Protein backbone atom coordinates (compact mmCIF):
# COMPACT_ATOMS: atom_id res chain seq x y z
CA MET A 1 0.00 0.00 0.00
CA LYS A 2 1.30 3.45 -0.85
CA THR A 3 2.64 5.62 1.95
CA ARG A 4 0.05 8.39 1.78
CA ARG A 5 -2.82 5.94 1.47
CA ARG A 6 -1.58 4.12 4.59
CA ALA A 7 -1.20 7.49 6.33
CA ARG A 8 -4.79 8.40 5.52
CA ARG A 9 -5.97 5.03 6.82
CA VAL A 10 -4.12 5.48 10.12
CA THR A 11 -5.42 9.06 10.36
CA LEU A 12 -8.98 7.82 9.85
CA GLU A 13 -8.60 5.12 12.50
CA THR A 14 -7.15 7.66 14.91
CA LEU A 15 -9.89 10.24 14.27
CA TYR A 16 -12.52 7.54 14.67
CA GLU A 17 -11.31 6.66 18.16
CA TYR A 18 -10.81 10.33 19.02
CA ASP A 19 -14.35 11.10 17.86
CA ILE A 20 -16.06 8.11 19.53
CA VAL A 21 -14.37 7.90 22.94
CA ASP A 22 -12.47 11.20 23.10
CA HIS A 23 -9.09 9.60 23.79
CA PRO A 24 -6.19 12.04 23.33
CA ALA A 25 -5.40 12.06 19.62
CA GLY A 26 -1.62 12.02 20.13
CA GLU A 27 -1.79 8.91 22.31
CA VAL A 28 -4.10 7.14 19.87
CA LEU A 29 -1.80 8.01 16.98
CA GLN A 30 1.27 6.67 18.80
CA ARG A 31 -0.51 3.39 19.50
CA ARG A 32 -1.69 3.13 15.88
CA LEU A 33 1.83 3.78 14.61
CA GLN A 34 3.20 1.05 16.86
CA GLU A 35 0.60 -1.34 15.42
CA ASN A 36 1.20 -0.12 11.84
CA PRO A 37 4.83 0.97 11.49
CA MET A 38 5.62 3.09 8.45
CA GLU A 39 8.50 5.15 7.14
CA ASN A 40 9.16 8.67 8.40
CA ALA A 41 7.39 10.35 5.48
CA GLY A 42 4.21 8.43 6.29
CA VAL A 43 4.43 9.24 9.98
CA ALA A 44 4.94 12.93 9.19
CA PHE A 45 1.99 12.99 6.77
CA THR A 46 -0.26 11.18 9.25
CA SER A 47 0.68 13.58 12.01
CA HIS A 48 0.11 16.56 9.72
CA LEU A 49 -3.33 15.33 8.67
CA LEU A 50 -4.38 14.55 12.22
CA THR A 51 -3.26 17.83 13.76
CA GLY A 52 -4.62 19.81 10.80
CA VAL A 53 -8.07 18.23 10.99
CA ILE A 54 -8.26 18.75 14.76
CA GLU A 55 -7.03 22.36 14.54
CA HIS A 56 -9.59 23.19 11.86
CA LEU A 57 -12.42 20.98 13.12
CA THR A 58 -14.89 23.82 13.62
CA GLU A 59 -14.45 25.25 10.13
CA ILE A 60 -14.45 21.81 8.51
CA ASP A 61 -17.59 20.71 10.36
CA ARG A 62 -19.31 23.94 9.37
CA LEU A 63 -18.58 23.13 5.72
CA ILE A 64 -19.81 19.56 6.06
CA ALA A 65 -23.04 20.80 7.64
CA ARG A 66 -23.52 23.25 4.78
CA TYR A 67 -22.81 20.79 1.97
CA ALA A 68 -24.58 17.79 3.54
CA PRO A 69 -27.61 19.48 5.16
CA GLU A 70 -29.74 16.34 4.99
CA TRP A 71 -27.28 14.64 7.38
CA PRO A 72 -26.69 16.55 10.62
CA LEU A 73 -23.15 15.94 11.87
CA ASP A 74 -24.31 14.18 15.02
CA GLN A 75 -26.44 11.78 12.93
CA MET A 76 -23.83 11.14 10.25
CA ALA A 77 -21.84 7.91 10.46
CA VAL A 78 -18.61 8.57 12.35
CA ILE A 79 -16.53 7.01 9.55
CA ASP A 80 -18.20 9.16 6.89
CA ARG A 81 -17.76 12.32 8.95
CA ASN A 82 -14.06 11.67 9.46
CA ILE A 83 -13.39 10.71 5.85
CA LEU A 84 -14.97 14.03 4.83
CA ARG A 85 -12.88 15.89 7.41
CA ILE A 86 -9.61 14.45 6.12
CA ALA A 87 -10.40 15.18 2.47
CA ILE A 88 -11.60 18.72 3.16
CA PHE A 89 -8.47 19.45 5.16
CA GLU A 90 -6.28 18.01 2.42
CA PHE A 91 -7.62 19.90 -0.56
CA LEU A 92 -9.11 23.03 0.93
CA ILE A 93 -7.01 23.98 3.94
CA PHE A 94 -3.67 22.19 3.41
CA GLY A 95 -4.04 22.72 -0.32
CA GLU A 96 -1.12 20.59 -1.49
CA THR A 97 -3.18 17.57 -2.46
CA PRO A 98 -4.95 17.92 -5.81
CA VAL A 99 -8.73 17.98 -5.40
CA LYS A 100 -9.31 14.91 -7.57
CA VAL A 101 -6.71 12.93 -5.64
CA ALA A 102 -8.21 13.87 -2.26
CA ILE A 103 -11.72 12.98 -3.42
CA ASN A 104 -10.57 9.68 -4.94
CA GLU A 105 -8.70 8.75 -1.76
CA ALA A 106 -11.77 9.62 0.34
CA VAL A 107 -13.98 7.43 -1.86
CA GLU A 108 -11.47 4.57 -1.57
CA LEU A 109 -11.47 4.89 2.23
CA ALA A 110 -15.27 4.82 2.16
CA LYS A 111 -15.27 1.66 0.02
CA THR A 112 -13.06 -0.04 2.59
CA TYR A 113 -14.43 1.27 5.89
CA ALA A 114 -17.95 2.61 5.38
CA SER A 115 -21.37 1.42 4.27
CA ASP A 116 -22.23 0.57 0.67
CA SER A 117 -23.87 3.96 0.10
CA ALA A 118 -21.04 5.98 1.65
CA PRO A 119 -18.73 6.27 -1.39
CA ARG A 120 -21.47 7.95 -3.42
CA PHE A 121 -22.44 10.22 -0.51
CA ILE A 122 -18.82 11.24 0.13
CA ASN A 123 -18.14 11.81 -3.57
CA GLY A 124 -21.27 13.98 -3.83
CA VAL A 125 -20.48 16.14 -0.81
CA LEU A 126 -16.84 16.63 -1.76
CA GLY A 127 -17.70 17.26 -5.41
CA SER A 128 -20.18 19.99 -4.45
CA LEU A 129 -17.66 21.53 -2.10
CA ALA A 130 -14.88 21.33 -4.70
CA ASP A 131 -16.98 23.38 -7.12
CA GLN A 132 -16.82 26.26 -4.62
CA ILE A 133 -13.11 26.20 -3.73
CA PRO A 134 -12.18 29.82 -4.59
CA ALA A 135 -15.06 31.26 -2.57
CA LEU A 136 -14.48 28.84 0.30
CA LYS A 137 -10.78 29.68 0.51
CA GLN A 138 -11.65 33.36 0.81
CA GLU A 139 -14.23 32.54 3.45
CA LEU A 140 -11.76 30.46 5.45
CA MET A 141 -9.14 33.21 5.29
CA ALA A 142 -11.67 35.61 6.80
CA VAL A 143 -12.36 33.35 9.80
CA PRO A 144 -10.35 34.43 12.85
CA VAL A 145 -8.03 31.72 14.17
CA PRO A 146 -8.67 30.86 17.84
CA GLU A 147 -5.76 31.58 20.17
């Protein structure tokens, strides 16, 4: 499995536990990395994704709520919610992953970890959001960063 794909998988597993039982993300990540050793580049990417999603959770969740209004965040499957969070962070906030790559990787995670209908749902939400990237980037830049 490719390094970044493995990193996304470990990030998803970590966010899932963080979201469900509120264990400290850093401790969960360390345990996951002991169970799934990977090279330094993978560890760095996993750590970057995890800290980025958590730092921008409020903004990301606001976007998910806007682009998936039929599924309130607290009613959305935890796996789906966290796959969306990772992809949105990657292509909208981090901005170094091409949009199509981030969406494809999110759909692949959904095929592996989520329900049968999740890949289509995730692709639809991310596709709608991707169509609005310039406006969303301006909007995110205008949001004050908490201290």
